[in-house]
Amino acid sequence: MTPPNSPAIGRRGLLTTLGAAALATASARPAQAAAPTLPLTAQTTEGPFYLDASQVRRDITEGLQGVPLDVRFTVCDTAGKPLPRLRVDLWHCDTLGRYSGFGGQGDDGAGAFEGKTFLRGSQFTDREGVAAFATVYPGWYAGRTTHIHMKVLNGTRAVLTSQFFLPDALSEFLYTQVSLYQRARLRDTLNSLDGIALKAGDTVLGAVREERQRYVATLALVVDPLATPVVDRPPRFGGMPPGAMPPQGSLPPGAMLPRGPLQGGMPMAGMPMGGGPPHARALEGTARVKALVPPRPAG
C-alpha cells in the first residue's frame, strides 16, 4: 500500500525512478578499463625460398622421414578475436636443411629439388582462427637458426609474413642424437646469434610440448586483417637472405660472430666474398651451453 500522505507512484514513474537510480549507480563506479591490445606478430623477411605450392593440405610431409611435428597456429586480431577463413601458408627445410622447389641445396650444393613441393602447404583458419599442419621437425643450414616460415593471407593480400623459432636445446638434442639430422659439423647459428630472430623478438617464439609420438608447436599469430605491409622479398639464390647476422651489440657475452661464405657461395651480410674458413664458426664447449640454455632469473 502507498503510505498515507504519499503521492501514488504509477508504473511509468517507478521505471523513471529506477532508471535514474541505475544511472546514478553507474556514474559512481570507476570507469572500466579498456580491453588490452595484443602486440602484432612481428613481420620478418620472406626469405628466398617461398613458393605458392597451391597445396591446401594438413599433412605436408609427402612421406619424408623425420621427427613428427604438428604446427598449430591461432590467428586473431589485436583484441584477441579469432579470424576465420584466412589462408595460412607454411614452408620450411627438411632434416638436412634443404628446401623443395630449388636446386643447389645441401652442404655440398648438389641437392636438386626443382618441381618438388615437400614441406609446403596451406590451410584456412576455422571458426576459432586455428590452422594446423602435420610435418617433421626442420633441420638447419649455414647462417640461420632453426626456423619455420609462415604467411597469412586475407584473400590474395598477405597481412603477415614471418618466421617462428624453435627451442635451441630441443633442436640441439635432435641434431646430435637422431641419425636423420646428424651432420659432419655443428650447427653454426643459434637463436641468440640469428639477426632475424633477434630483431623479431618474443612474438615469434613458438611453444613446443611433447605428445604421444610427436611434438606439437603452437603460436598465436596476431594480425591486422586490413593491413597491407610491404613484404621483404630478397633475391632467390642458393645462399641466405640478407639480415641473418645479428645487429652490433646484441650478442651474449663470449659469443663469436660466424665467419666465412655461406652455402651457394654467397657471403655473410657485410662480409667480403672469399676470405675466412669454409664454414661459419660454431660455438663450442661452455660458450655453446650458455647460448643454448636460457639464463636463470636473477634473485
C-alpha atoms as a PDB file:
ATOM      1  CA  MET A   1       0.000   0.000   0.000  1.00  0.00           C
ATOM      2  CA  THR A   2       1.011   3.590  -0.593  1.00  0.00           C
ATOM      3  CA  PRO A   3       1.827   5.282   2.745  1.00  0.00           C
ATOM      4  CA  PRO A   4      -0.668   7.988   3.865  1.00  0.00           C
ATOM      5  CA  ASN A   5       0.032  11.455   2.580  1.00  0.00           C
ATOM      6  CA  SER A   6       2.418   9.990  -0.103  1.00  0.00           C
ATOM      7  CA  PRO A   7       1.622  10.519  -3.768  1.00  0.00           C
ATOM      8  CA  ALA A   8       0.918   7.295  -5.658  1.00  0.00           C
ATOM      9  CA  ILE A   9       3.759   6.206  -7.950  1.00  0.00           C
ATOM     10  CA  GLY A  10       2.464   4.800 -11.221  1.00  0.00           C
ATOM     11  CA  ARG A  11       4.283   2.221 -13.396  1.00  0.00           C
ATOM     12  CA  ARG A  12       5.850   4.936 -15.560  1.00  0.00           C
ATOM     13  CA  GLY A  13       7.037   6.841 -12.517  1.00  0.00           C
ATOM     14  CA  LEU A  14       8.520   3.694 -10.992  1.00  0.00           C
ATOM     15  CA  LEU A  15      10.501   2.918 -14.196  1.00  0.00           C
ATOM     16  CA  THR A  16      11.719   6.511 -14.334  1.00  0.00           C
ATOM     17  CA  THR A  17      12.859   6.348 -10.711  1.00  0.00           C
ATOM     18  CA  LEU A  18      14.656   3.012 -11.194  1.00  0.00           C
ATOM     19  CA  GLY A  19      16.344   4.263 -14.356  1.00  0.00           C
ATOM     20  CA  ALA A  20      17.635   7.351 -12.618  1.00  0.00           C
ATOM     21  CA  ALA A  21      18.954   5.248  -9.753  1.00  0.00           C
ATOM     22  CA  ALA A  22      20.758   2.928 -12.148  1.00  0.00           C
ATOM     23  CA  LEU A  23      22.392   5.864 -13.921  1.00  0.00           C
ATOM     24  CA  ALA A  24      23.471   7.331 -10.600  1.00  0.00           C
ATOM     25  CA  THR A  25      24.989   3.988  -9.536  1.00  0.00           C
ATOM     26  CA  ALA A  26      26.824   3.562 -12.850  1.00  0.00           C
ATOM     27  CA  SER A  27      28.269   7.058 -12.700  1.00  0.00           C
ATOM     28  CA  ALA A  28      29.509   6.375  -9.186  1.00  0.00           C
ATOM     29  CA  ARG A  29      31.543   3.333 -10.354  1.00  0.00           C
ATOM     30  CA  PRO A  30      35.114   3.832 -11.624  1.00  0.00           C
ATOM     31  CA  ALA A  31      35.485   3.797 -15.403  1.00  0.00           C
ATOM     32  CA  GLN A  32      36.005   0.260 -16.704  1.00  0.00           C
ATOM     33  CA  ALA A  33      39.467  -0.336 -18.131  1.00  0.00           C
ATOM     34  CA  ALA A  34      39.690  -0.698 -21.897  1.00  0.00           C
ATOM     35  CA  ALA A  35      40.271  -4.168 -23.287  1.00  0.00           C
ATOM     36  CA  PRO A  36      44.003  -4.913 -23.618  1.00  0.00           C
ATOM     37  CA  THR A  37      45.542  -4.702 -27.085  1.00  0.00           C
ATOM     38  CA  LEU A  38      47.736  -7.614 -28.143  1.00  0.00           C
ATOM     39  CA  PRO A  39      51.008  -6.819 -29.925  1.00  0.00           C
ATOM     40  CA  LEU A  40      51.059  -7.654 -33.615  1.00  0.00           C
ATOM     41  CA  THR A  41      53.206 -10.609 -34.608  1.00  0.00           C
ATOM     42  CA  ALA A  42      56.491  -9.309 -35.977  1.00  0.00           C
ATOM     43  CA  GLN A  43      56.997  -9.256 -39.719  1.00  0.00           C
ATOM     44  CA  THR A  44      60.259 -10.791 -40.960  1.00  0.00           C
ATOM     45  CA  THR A  45      61.889 -11.376 -44.308  1.00  0.00           C
ATOM     46  CA  GLU A  46      60.103 -13.824 -46.586  1.00  0.00           C
ATOM     47  CA  GLY A  47      63.451 -15.368 -47.462  1.00  0.00           C
ATOM     48  CA  PRO A  48      64.462 -16.554 -50.929  1.00  0.00           C
ATOM     49  CA  PHE A  49      62.641 -19.905 -50.820  1.00  0.00           C
ATOM     50  CA  TYR A  50      58.930 -19.039 -50.828  1.00  0.00           C
ATOM     51  CA  LEU A  51      56.716 -20.731 -53.398  1.00  0.00           C
ATOM     52  CA  ASP A  52      52.939 -20.807 -53.632  1.00  0.00           C
ATOM     53  CA  ALA A  53      52.685 -24.579 -53.938  1.00  0.00           C
ATOM     54  CA  SER A  54      48.878 -24.410 -54.447  1.00  0.00           C
ATOM     55  CA  GLN A  55      48.539 -27.296 -51.997  1.00  0.00           C
ATOM     56  CA  VAL A  56      45.725 -26.903 -49.450  1.00  0.00           C
ATOM     57  CA  ARG A  57      46.590 -29.770 -47.129  1.00  0.00           C
ATOM     58  CA  ARG A  58      47.224 -30.528 -43.495  1.00  0.00           C
ATOM     59  CA  ASP A  59      49.959 -33.151 -43.995  1.00  0.00           C
ATOM     60  CA  ILE A  60      52.855 -31.535 -45.872  1.00  0.00           C
ATOM     61  CA  THR A  61      55.448 -34.299 -45.403  1.00  0.00           C
ATOM     62  CA  GLU A  62      54.896 -36.112 -48.722  1.00  0.00           C
ATOM     63  CA  GLY A  63      56.289 -39.196 -46.988  1.00  0.00           C
ATOM     64  CA  LEU A  64      59.547 -37.609 -45.835  1.00  0.00           C
ATOM     65  CA  GLN A  65      61.054 -39.126 -42.716  1.00  0.00           C
ATOM     66  CA  GLY A  66      61.816 -37.060 -39.634  1.00  0.00           C
ATOM     67  CA  VAL A  67      60.742 -36.414 -36.065  1.00  0.00           C
ATOM     68  CA  PRO A  68      56.958 -35.818 -36.276  1.00  0.00           C
ATOM     69  CA  LEU A  69      55.893 -32.251 -35.536  1.00  0.00           C
ATOM     70  CA  ASP A  70      52.421 -30.723 -35.523  1.00  0.00           C
ATOM     71  CA  VAL A  71      52.271 -26.963 -36.041  1.00  0.00           C
ATOM     72  CA  ARG A  72      49.154 -25.197 -34.774  1.00  0.00           C
ATOM     73  CA  PHE A  73      48.550 -21.503 -35.353  1.00  0.00           C
ATOM     74  CA  THR A  74      45.746 -19.472 -33.808  1.00  0.00           C
ATOM     75  CA  VAL A  75      45.133 -16.339 -35.875  1.00  0.00           C
ATOM     76  CA  CYS A  76      43.430 -13.383 -34.180  1.00  0.00           C
ATOM     77  CA  ASP A  77      43.263  -9.598 -34.235  1.00  0.00           C
ATOM     78  CA  THR A  78      44.733  -7.272 -31.607  1.00  0.00           C
ATOM     79  CA  ALA A  79      41.591  -7.611 -29.461  1.00  0.00           C
ATOM     80  CA  GLY A  80      42.020 -11.395 -29.384  1.00  0.00           C
ATOM     81  CA  LYS A  81      39.074 -12.057 -31.718  1.00  0.00           C
ATOM     82  CA  PRO A  82      39.630 -15.204 -33.847  1.00  0.00           C
ATOM     83  CA  LEU A  83      39.880 -14.578 -37.578  1.00  0.00           C
ATOM     84  CA  PRO A  84      38.271 -17.372 -39.646  1.00  0.00           C
ATOM     85  CA  ARG A  85      38.762 -18.113 -43.357  1.00  0.00           C
ATOM     86  CA  LEU A  86      42.225 -16.600 -43.629  1.00  0.00           C
ATOM     87  CA  ARG A  87      44.771 -18.617 -45.568  1.00  0.00           C
ATOM     88  CA  VAL A  88      47.959 -19.657 -43.789  1.00  0.00           C
ATOM     89  CA  ASP A  89      50.982 -20.810 -45.818  1.00  0.00           C
ATOM     90  CA  LEU A  90      53.769 -22.776 -44.150  1.00  0.00           C
ATOM     91  CA  TRP A  91      57.150 -23.839 -45.530  1.00  0.00           C
ATOM     92  CA  HIS A  92      60.481 -24.979 -44.115  1.00  0.00           C
ATOM     93  CA  CYS A  93      63.586 -27.036 -44.893  1.00  0.00           C
ATOM     94  CA  ASP A  94      63.969 -30.797 -44.482  1.00  0.00           C
ATOM     95  CA  THR A  95      66.092 -32.626 -41.905  1.00  0.00           C
ATOM     96  CA  LEU A  96      69.302 -31.705 -43.771  1.00  0.00           C
ATOM     97  CA  GLY A  97      68.456 -28.049 -44.394  1.00  0.00           C
ATOM     98  CA  ARG A  98      67.131 -28.335 -47.968  1.00  0.00           C
ATOM     99  CA  TYR A  99      64.049 -26.626 -49.448  1.00  0.00           C
ATOM    100  CA  SER A 100      61.771 -28.105 -52.076  1.00  0.00           C
ATOM    101  CA  GLY A 101      61.452 -26.248 -55.370  1.00  0.00           C
ATOM    102  CA  PHE A 102      65.088 -25.132 -55.644  1.00  0.00           C
ATOM    103  CA  GLY A 103      68.434 -26.503 -56.809  1.00  0.00           C
ATOM    104  CA  GLY A 104      71.877 -26.123 -55.266  1.00  0.00           C
ATOM    105  CA  GLN A 105      70.693 -27.355 -51.871  1.00  0.00           C
ATOM    106  CA  GLY A 106      72.595 -29.016 -49.030  1.00  0.00           C
ATOM    107  CA  ASP A 107      76.112 -28.831 -47.632  1.00  0.00           C
ATOM    108  CA  ASP A 108      77.565 -29.959 -50.945  1.00  0.00           C
ATOM    109  CA  GLY A 109      75.216 -27.841 -53.082  1.00  0.00           C
ATOM    110  CA  ALA A 110      74.237 -30.949 -55.058  1.00  0.00           C
ATOM    111  CA  GLY A 111      70.587 -31.211 -53.967  1.00  0.00           C
ATOM    112  CA  ALA A 112      68.278 -30.582 -56.939  1.00  0.00           C
ATOM    113  CA  PHE A 113      64.654 -30.229 -55.852  1.00  0.00           C
ATOM    114  CA  GLU A 114      63.150 -28.140 -58.634  1.00  0.00           C
ATOM    115  CA  GLY A 115      59.491 -29.040 -59.116  1.00  0.00           C
ATOM    116  CA  LYS A 116      59.211 -30.647 -55.659  1.00  0.00           C
ATOM    117  CA  THR A 117      56.686 -29.408 -53.065  1.00  0.00           C
ATOM    118  CA  PHE A 118      57.572 -31.266 -49.861  1.00  0.00           C
ATOM    119  CA  LEU A 119      57.204 -29.371 -46.593  1.00  0.00           C
ATOM    120  CA  ARG A 120      54.984 -26.721 -48.162  1.00  0.00           C
ATOM    121  CA  GLY A 121      51.255 -26.271 -47.820  1.00  0.00           C
ATOM    122  CA  SER A 122      48.285 -24.064 -46.987  1.00  0.00           C
ATOM    123  CA  GLN A 123      45.360 -24.244 -44.591  1.00  0.00           C
ATOM    124  CA  PHE A 124      42.365 -21.958 -43.989  1.00  0.00           C
ATOM    125  CA  THR A 125      41.626 -20.938 -40.424  1.00  0.00           C
ATOM    126  CA  ASP A 126      38.477 -22.399 -38.869  1.00  0.00           C
ATOM    127  CA  ARG A 127      35.853 -20.593 -36.764  1.00  0.00           C
ATOM    128  CA  GLU A 128      38.308 -20.424 -33.883  1.00  0.00           C
ATOM    129  CA  GLY A 129      41.048 -18.996 -36.090  1.00  0.00           C
ATOM    130  CA  VAL A 130      43.052 -22.245 -35.989  1.00  0.00           C
ATOM    131  CA  ALA A 131      45.168 -23.657 -38.830  1.00  0.00           C
ATOM    132  CA  ALA A 132      47.110 -26.882 -38.206  1.00  0.00           C
ATOM    133  CA  PHE A 133      49.801 -28.744 -40.141  1.00  0.00           C
ATOM    134  CA  ALA A 134      51.425 -32.152 -39.779  1.00  0.00           C
ATOM    135  CA  THR A 135      55.106 -32.013 -40.683  1.00  0.00           C
ATOM    136  CA  VAL A 136      58.554 -33.040 -39.434  1.00  0.00           C
ATOM    137  CA  TYR A 137      60.949 -31.114 -37.251  1.00  0.00           C
ATOM    138  CA  PRO A 138      63.064 -28.899 -39.551  1.00  0.00           C
ATOM    139  CA  GLY A 139      66.803 -29.172 -39.883  1.00  0.00           C
ATOM    140  CA  TRP A 140      69.242 -26.294 -40.289  1.00  0.00           C
ATOM    141  CA  TYR A 141      71.541 -24.694 -42.817  1.00  0.00           C
ATOM    142  CA  ALA A 142      74.541 -22.405 -42.605  1.00  0.00           C
ATOM    143  CA  GLY A 143      73.960 -18.911 -41.269  1.00  0.00           C
ATOM    144  CA  ARG A 144      70.458 -19.467 -39.845  1.00  0.00           C
ATOM    145  CA  THR A 145      68.978 -20.841 -36.665  1.00  0.00           C
ATOM    146  CA  THR A 146      66.141 -23.394 -36.728  1.00  0.00           C
ATOM    147  CA  HIS A 147      63.007 -21.734 -38.091  1.00  0.00           C
ATOM    148  CA  ILE A 148      59.701 -22.269 -39.850  1.00  0.00           C
ATOM    149  CA  HIS A 149      58.242 -19.755 -42.314  1.00  0.00           C
ATOM    150  CA  MET A 150      54.586 -18.724 -42.343  1.00  0.00           C
ATOM    151  CA  LYS A 151      52.413 -16.286 -44.245  1.00  0.00           C
ATOM    152  CA  VAL A 152      48.819 -15.189 -43.505  1.00  0.00           C
ATOM    153  CA  LEU A 153      46.706 -14.007 -46.447  1.00  0.00           C
ATOM    154  CA  ASN A 154      43.348 -12.247 -46.486  1.00  0.00           C
ATOM    155  CA  GLY A 155      42.216 -13.129 -49.982  1.00  0.00           C
ATOM    156  CA  THR A 156      45.276 -12.521 -52.134  1.00  0.00           C
ATOM    157  CA  ARG A 157      46.795  -9.936 -49.781  1.00  0.00           C
ATOM    158  CA  ALA A 158      49.497 -11.007 -47.327  1.00  0.00           C
ATOM    159  CA  VAL A 159      48.788  -9.446 -43.918  1.00  0.00           C
ATOM    160  CA  LEU A 160      51.685 -11.251 -42.221  1.00  0.00           C
ATOM    161  CA  THR A 161      54.942 -12.713 -43.495  1.00  0.00           C
ATOM    162  CA  SER A 162      57.144 -14.075 -40.747  1.00  0.00           C
ATOM    163  CA  GLN A 163      59.167 -16.924 -39.250  1.00  0.00           C
ATOM    164  CA  PHE A 164      58.939 -18.635 -35.910  1.00  0.00           C
ATOM    165  CA  PHE A 165      61.769 -20.132 -33.929  1.00  0.00           C
ATOM    166  CA  LEU A 166      62.013 -23.408 -32.024  1.00  0.00           C
ATOM    167  CA  PRO A 167      63.789 -24.050 -28.696  1.00  0.00           C
ATOM    168  CA  ASP A 168      67.545 -24.314 -29.139  1.00  0.00           C
ATOM    169  CA  ALA A 169      68.020 -27.073 -26.551  1.00  0.00           C
ATOM    170  CA  LEU A 170      65.477 -29.354 -28.251  1.00  0.00           C
ATOM    171  CA  SER A 171      66.990 -28.660 -31.669  1.00  0.00           C
ATOM    172  CA  GLU A 172      70.472 -29.438 -30.337  1.00  0.00           C
ATOM    173  CA  PHE A 173      69.343 -32.764 -28.912  1.00  0.00           C
ATOM    174  CA  LEU A 174      67.652 -33.866 -32.128  1.00  0.00           C
ATOM    175  CA  TYR A 175      70.509 -32.730 -34.366  1.00  0.00           C
ATOM    176  CA  THR A 176      73.129 -34.621 -32.354  1.00  0.00           C
ATOM    177  CA  GLN A 177      71.169 -37.738 -31.335  1.00  0.00           C
ATOM    178  CA  VAL A 178      68.807 -38.571 -34.226  1.00  0.00           C
ATOM    179  CA  SER A 179      70.556 -40.059 -37.257  1.00  0.00           C
ATOM    180  CA  LEU A 180      68.316 -38.341 -39.841  1.00  0.00           C
ATOM    181  CA  TYR A 181      69.541 -34.944 -38.590  1.00  0.00           C
ATOM    182  CA  GLN A 182      73.196 -35.695 -37.883  1.00  0.00           C
ATOM    183  CA  ARG A 183      75.791 -33.777 -39.883  1.00  0.00           C
ATOM    184  CA  ALA A 184      79.568 -33.695 -40.075  1.00  0.00           C
ATOM    185  CA  ARG A 185      79.677 -30.359 -38.243  1.00  0.00           C
ATOM    186  CA  LEU A 186      77.865 -28.449 -35.528  1.00  0.00           C
ATOM    187  CA  ARG A 187      75.058 -26.038 -36.292  1.00  0.00           C
ATOM    188  CA  ASP A 188      76.756 -22.661 -36.601  1.00  0.00           C
ATOM    189  CA  THR A 189      73.894 -20.300 -35.703  1.00  0.00           C
ATOM    190  CA  LEU A 190      71.705 -20.424 -32.601  1.00  0.00           C
ATOM    191  CA  ASN A 191      68.636 -18.344 -31.718  1.00  0.00           C
ATOM    192  CA  SER A 192      70.816 -15.906 -29.783  1.00  0.00           C
ATOM    193  CA  LEU A 193      73.093 -15.401 -32.818  1.00  0.00           C
ATOM    194  CA  ASP A 194      70.469 -15.074 -35.545  1.00  0.00           C
ATOM    195  CA  GLY A 195      69.830 -11.455 -36.529  1.00  0.00           C
ATOM    196  CA  ILE A 196      66.362 -12.170 -37.924  1.00  0.00           C
ATOM    197  CA  ALA A 197      65.269 -13.923 -34.712  1.00  0.00           C
ATOM    198  CA  LEU A 198      66.750 -11.211 -32.510  1.00  0.00           C
ATOM    199  CA  LYS A 199      65.050  -8.420 -34.441  1.00  0.00           C
ATOM    200  CA  ALA A 200      61.671 -10.196 -34.453  1.00  0.00           C
ATOM    201  CA  GLY A 201      61.597 -10.710 -30.673  1.00  0.00           C
ATOM    202  CA  ASP A 202      59.245 -12.713 -28.475  1.00  0.00           C
ATOM    203  CA  THR A 203      56.142 -12.686 -30.687  1.00  0.00           C
ATOM    204  CA  VAL A 204      57.652 -15.366 -32.937  1.00  0.00           C
ATOM    205  CA  LEU A 205      58.954 -17.796 -30.319  1.00  0.00           C
ATOM    206  CA  GLY A 206      56.904 -20.974 -30.655  1.00  0.00           C
ATOM    207  CA  ALA A 207      55.901 -23.051 -27.619  1.00  0.00           C
ATOM    208  CA  VAL A 208      56.674 -26.766 -28.010  1.00  0.00           C
ATOM    209  CA  ARG A 209      55.259 -29.633 -25.966  1.00  0.00           C
ATOM    210  CA  GLU A 210      55.641 -33.379 -26.227  1.00  0.00           C
ATOM    211  CA  GLU A 211      52.624 -35.521 -27.048  1.00  0.00           C
ATOM    212  CA  ARG A 212      52.408 -39.221 -27.806  1.00  0.00           C
ATOM    213  CA  GLN A 213      54.682 -39.966 -30.782  1.00  0.00           C
ATOM    214  CA  ARG A 214      55.122 -36.315 -31.800  1.00  0.00           C
ATOM    215  CA  TYR A 215      55.993 -32.789 -30.753  1.00  0.00           C
ATOM    216  CA  VAL A 216      53.421 -30.008 -31.016  1.00  0.00           C
ATOM    217  CA  ALA A 217      54.458 -26.398 -31.710  1.00  0.00           C
ATOM    218  CA  THR A 218      51.874 -23.679 -31.086  1.00  0.00           C
ATOM    219  CA  LEU A 219      51.943 -19.963 -31.783  1.00  0.00           C
ATOM    220  CA  ALA A 220      49.350 -17.176 -31.751  1.00  0.00           C
ATOM    221  CA  LEU A 221      49.529 -15.013 -34.864  1.00  0.00           C
ATOM    222  CA  VAL A 222      48.165 -11.546 -34.126  1.00  0.00           C
ATOM    223  CA  VAL A 223      47.408  -9.689 -37.350  1.00  0.00           C
ATOM    224  CA  ASP A 224      45.561  -6.688 -38.691  1.00  0.00           C
ATOM    225  CA  PRO A 225      43.280  -8.206 -41.366  1.00  0.00           C
ATOM    226  CA  LEU A 226      43.138  -4.848 -43.173  1.00  0.00           C
ATOM    227  CA  ALA A 227      46.891  -4.280 -43.233  1.00  0.00           C
ATOM    228  CA  THR A 228      48.940  -4.025 -46.422  1.00  0.00           C
ATOM    229  CA  PRO A 229      52.520  -4.490 -45.183  1.00  0.00           C
ATOM    230  CA  VAL A 230      55.413  -4.414 -47.610  1.00  0.00           C
ATOM    231  CA  VAL A 231      56.849  -7.935 -47.983  1.00  0.00           C
ATOM    232  CA  ASP A 232      60.638  -8.143 -47.693  1.00  0.00           C
ATOM    233  CA  ARG A 233      61.390 -10.459 -50.614  1.00  0.00           C
ATOM    234  CA  PRO A 234      65.150 -10.885 -51.200  1.00  0.00           C
ATOM    235  CA  PRO A 235      66.548 -12.287 -54.450  1.00  0.00           C
ATOM    236  CA  ARG A 236      66.279 -16.046 -54.829  1.00  0.00           C
ATOM    237  CA  PHE A 237      69.738 -17.541 -54.711  1.00  0.00           C
ATOM    238  CA  GLY A 238      71.463 -20.506 -53.116  1.00  0.00           C
ATOM    239  CA  GLY A 239      72.583 -18.598 -50.032  1.00  0.00           C
ATOM    240  CA  MET A 240      70.809 -16.965 -47.130  1.00  0.00           C
ATOM    241  CA  PRO A 241      68.504 -13.956 -47.009  1.00  0.00           C
ATOM    242  CA  PRO A 242      70.094 -10.659 -46.027  1.00  0.00           C
ATOM    243  CA  GLY A 243      69.931  -9.728 -42.365  1.00  0.00           C
ATOM    244  CA  ALA A 244      70.975 -13.119 -40.995  1.00  0.00           C
ATOM    245  CA  MET A 245      73.786 -11.572 -38.986  1.00  0.00           C
ATOM    246  CA  PRO A 246      72.906 -10.238 -35.532  1.00  0.00           C
ATOM    247  CA  PRO A 247      72.995  -6.463 -35.010  1.00  0.00           C
ATOM    248  CA  GLN A 248      76.038  -4.987 -33.350  1.00  0.00           C
ATOM    249  CA  GLY A 249      75.938  -5.232 -29.561  1.00  0.00           C
ATOM    250  CA  SER A 250      73.220  -7.910 -29.481  1.00  0.00           C
ATOM    251  CA  LEU A 251      75.449 -10.950 -28.916  1.00  0.00           C
ATOM    252  CA  PRO A 252      75.612 -12.623 -25.496  1.00  0.00           C
ATOM    253  CA  PRO A 253      78.909 -12.372 -23.567  1.00  0.00           C
ATOM    254  CA  GLY A 254      81.554 -14.660 -25.033  1.00  0.00           C
ATOM    255  CA  ALA A 255      79.684 -15.284 -28.288  1.00  0.00           C
ATOM    256  CA  MET A 256      81.615 -15.089 -31.539  1.00  0.00           C
ATOM    257  CA  LEU A 257      80.374 -13.956 -34.909  1.00  0.00           C
ATOM    258  CA  PRO A 258      80.307 -16.668 -37.551  1.00  0.00           C
ATOM    259  CA  ARG A 259      82.695 -16.017 -40.412  1.00  0.00           C
ATOM    260  CA  GLY A 260      83.167 -17.140 -43.973  1.00  0.00           C
ATOM    261  CA  PRO A 261      80.987 -17.779 -47.006  1.00  0.00           C
ATOM    262  CA  LEU A 262      77.599 -19.441 -46.793  1.00  0.00           C
ATOM    263  CA  GLN A 263      76.179 -22.252 -48.876  1.00  0.00           C
ATOM    264  CA  GLY A 264      75.849 -21.437 -52.536  1.00  0.00           C
ATOM    265  CA  GLY A 265      78.961 -19.260 -52.417  1.00  0.00           C
ATOM    266  CA  MET A 266      77.139 -16.214 -51.011  1.00  0.00           C
ATOM    267  CA  PRO A 267      78.953 -14.217 -48.298  1.00  0.00           C
ATOM    268  CA  MET A 268      77.652 -13.353 -44.862  1.00  0.00           C
ATOM    269  CA  ALA A 269      75.916  -9.995 -44.683  1.00  0.00           C
ATOM    270  CA  GLY A 270      78.608  -7.351 -44.590  1.00  0.00           C
ATOM    271  CA  MET A 271      81.418  -9.861 -45.254  1.00  0.00           C
ATOM    272  CA  PRO A 272      83.557  -9.892 -48.408  1.00  0.00           C
ATOM    273  CA  MET A 273      83.477 -12.798 -50.825  1.00  0.00           C
ATOM    274  CA  GLY A 274      86.219 -15.307 -50.308  1.00  0.00           C
ATOM    275  CA  GLY A 275      88.193 -14.927 -47.072  1.00  0.00           C
ATOM    276  CA  GLY A 276      87.681 -16.877 -43.896  1.00  0.00           C
ATOM    277  CA  PRO A 277      87.197 -20.569 -43.182  1.00  0.00           C
ATOM    278  CA  PRO A 278      84.959 -22.634 -45.496  1.00  0.00           C
ATOM    279  CA  HIS A 279      82.118 -22.616 -42.964  1.00  0.00           C
ATOM    280  CA  ALA A 280      80.845 -20.327 -40.225  1.00  0.00           C
ATOM    281  CA  ARG A 281      82.435 -20.946 -36.832  1.00  0.00           C
ATOM    282  CA  ALA A 282      80.184 -22.698 -34.304  1.00  0.00           C
ATOM    283  CA  LEU A 283      80.283 -22.047 -30.578  1.00  0.00           C
ATOM    284  CA  GLU A 284      81.689 -24.963 -28.599  1.00  0.00           C
ATOM    285  CA  GLY A 285      82.030 -26.123 -25.009  1.00  0.00           C
ATOM    286  CA  THR A 286      80.838 -23.896 -22.183  1.00  0.00           C
ATOM    287  CA  ALA A 287      80.061 -20.981 -24.513  1.00  0.00           C
ATOM    288  CA  ARG A 288      77.713 -23.195 -26.520  1.00  0.00           C
ATOM    289  CA  VAL A 289      75.914 -24.485 -23.437  1.00  0.00           C
ATOM    290  CA  LYS A 290      75.428 -20.922 -22.178  1.00  0.00           C
ATOM    291  CA  ALA A 291      73.958 -19.907 -25.531  1.00  0.00           C
ATOM    292  CA  LEU A 292      71.653 -22.943 -25.674  1.00  0.00           C
ATOM    293  CA  VAL A 293      70.182 -22.782 -22.167  1.00  0.00           C
ATOM    294  CA  PRO A 294      68.228 -19.688 -21.056  1.00  0.00           C
ATOM    295  CA  PRO A 295      69.916 -17.940 -18.117  1.00  0.00           C
ATOM    296  CA  ARG A 296      68.478 -18.435 -14.640  1.00  0.00           C
ATOM    297  CA  PRO A 297      66.393 -15.445 -13.482  1.00  0.00           C
ATOM    298  CA  ALA A 298      68.154 -13.125 -11.034  1.00  0.00           C
ATOM    299  CA  GLY A 299      67.017 -13.039  -7.407  1.00  0.00           C
END
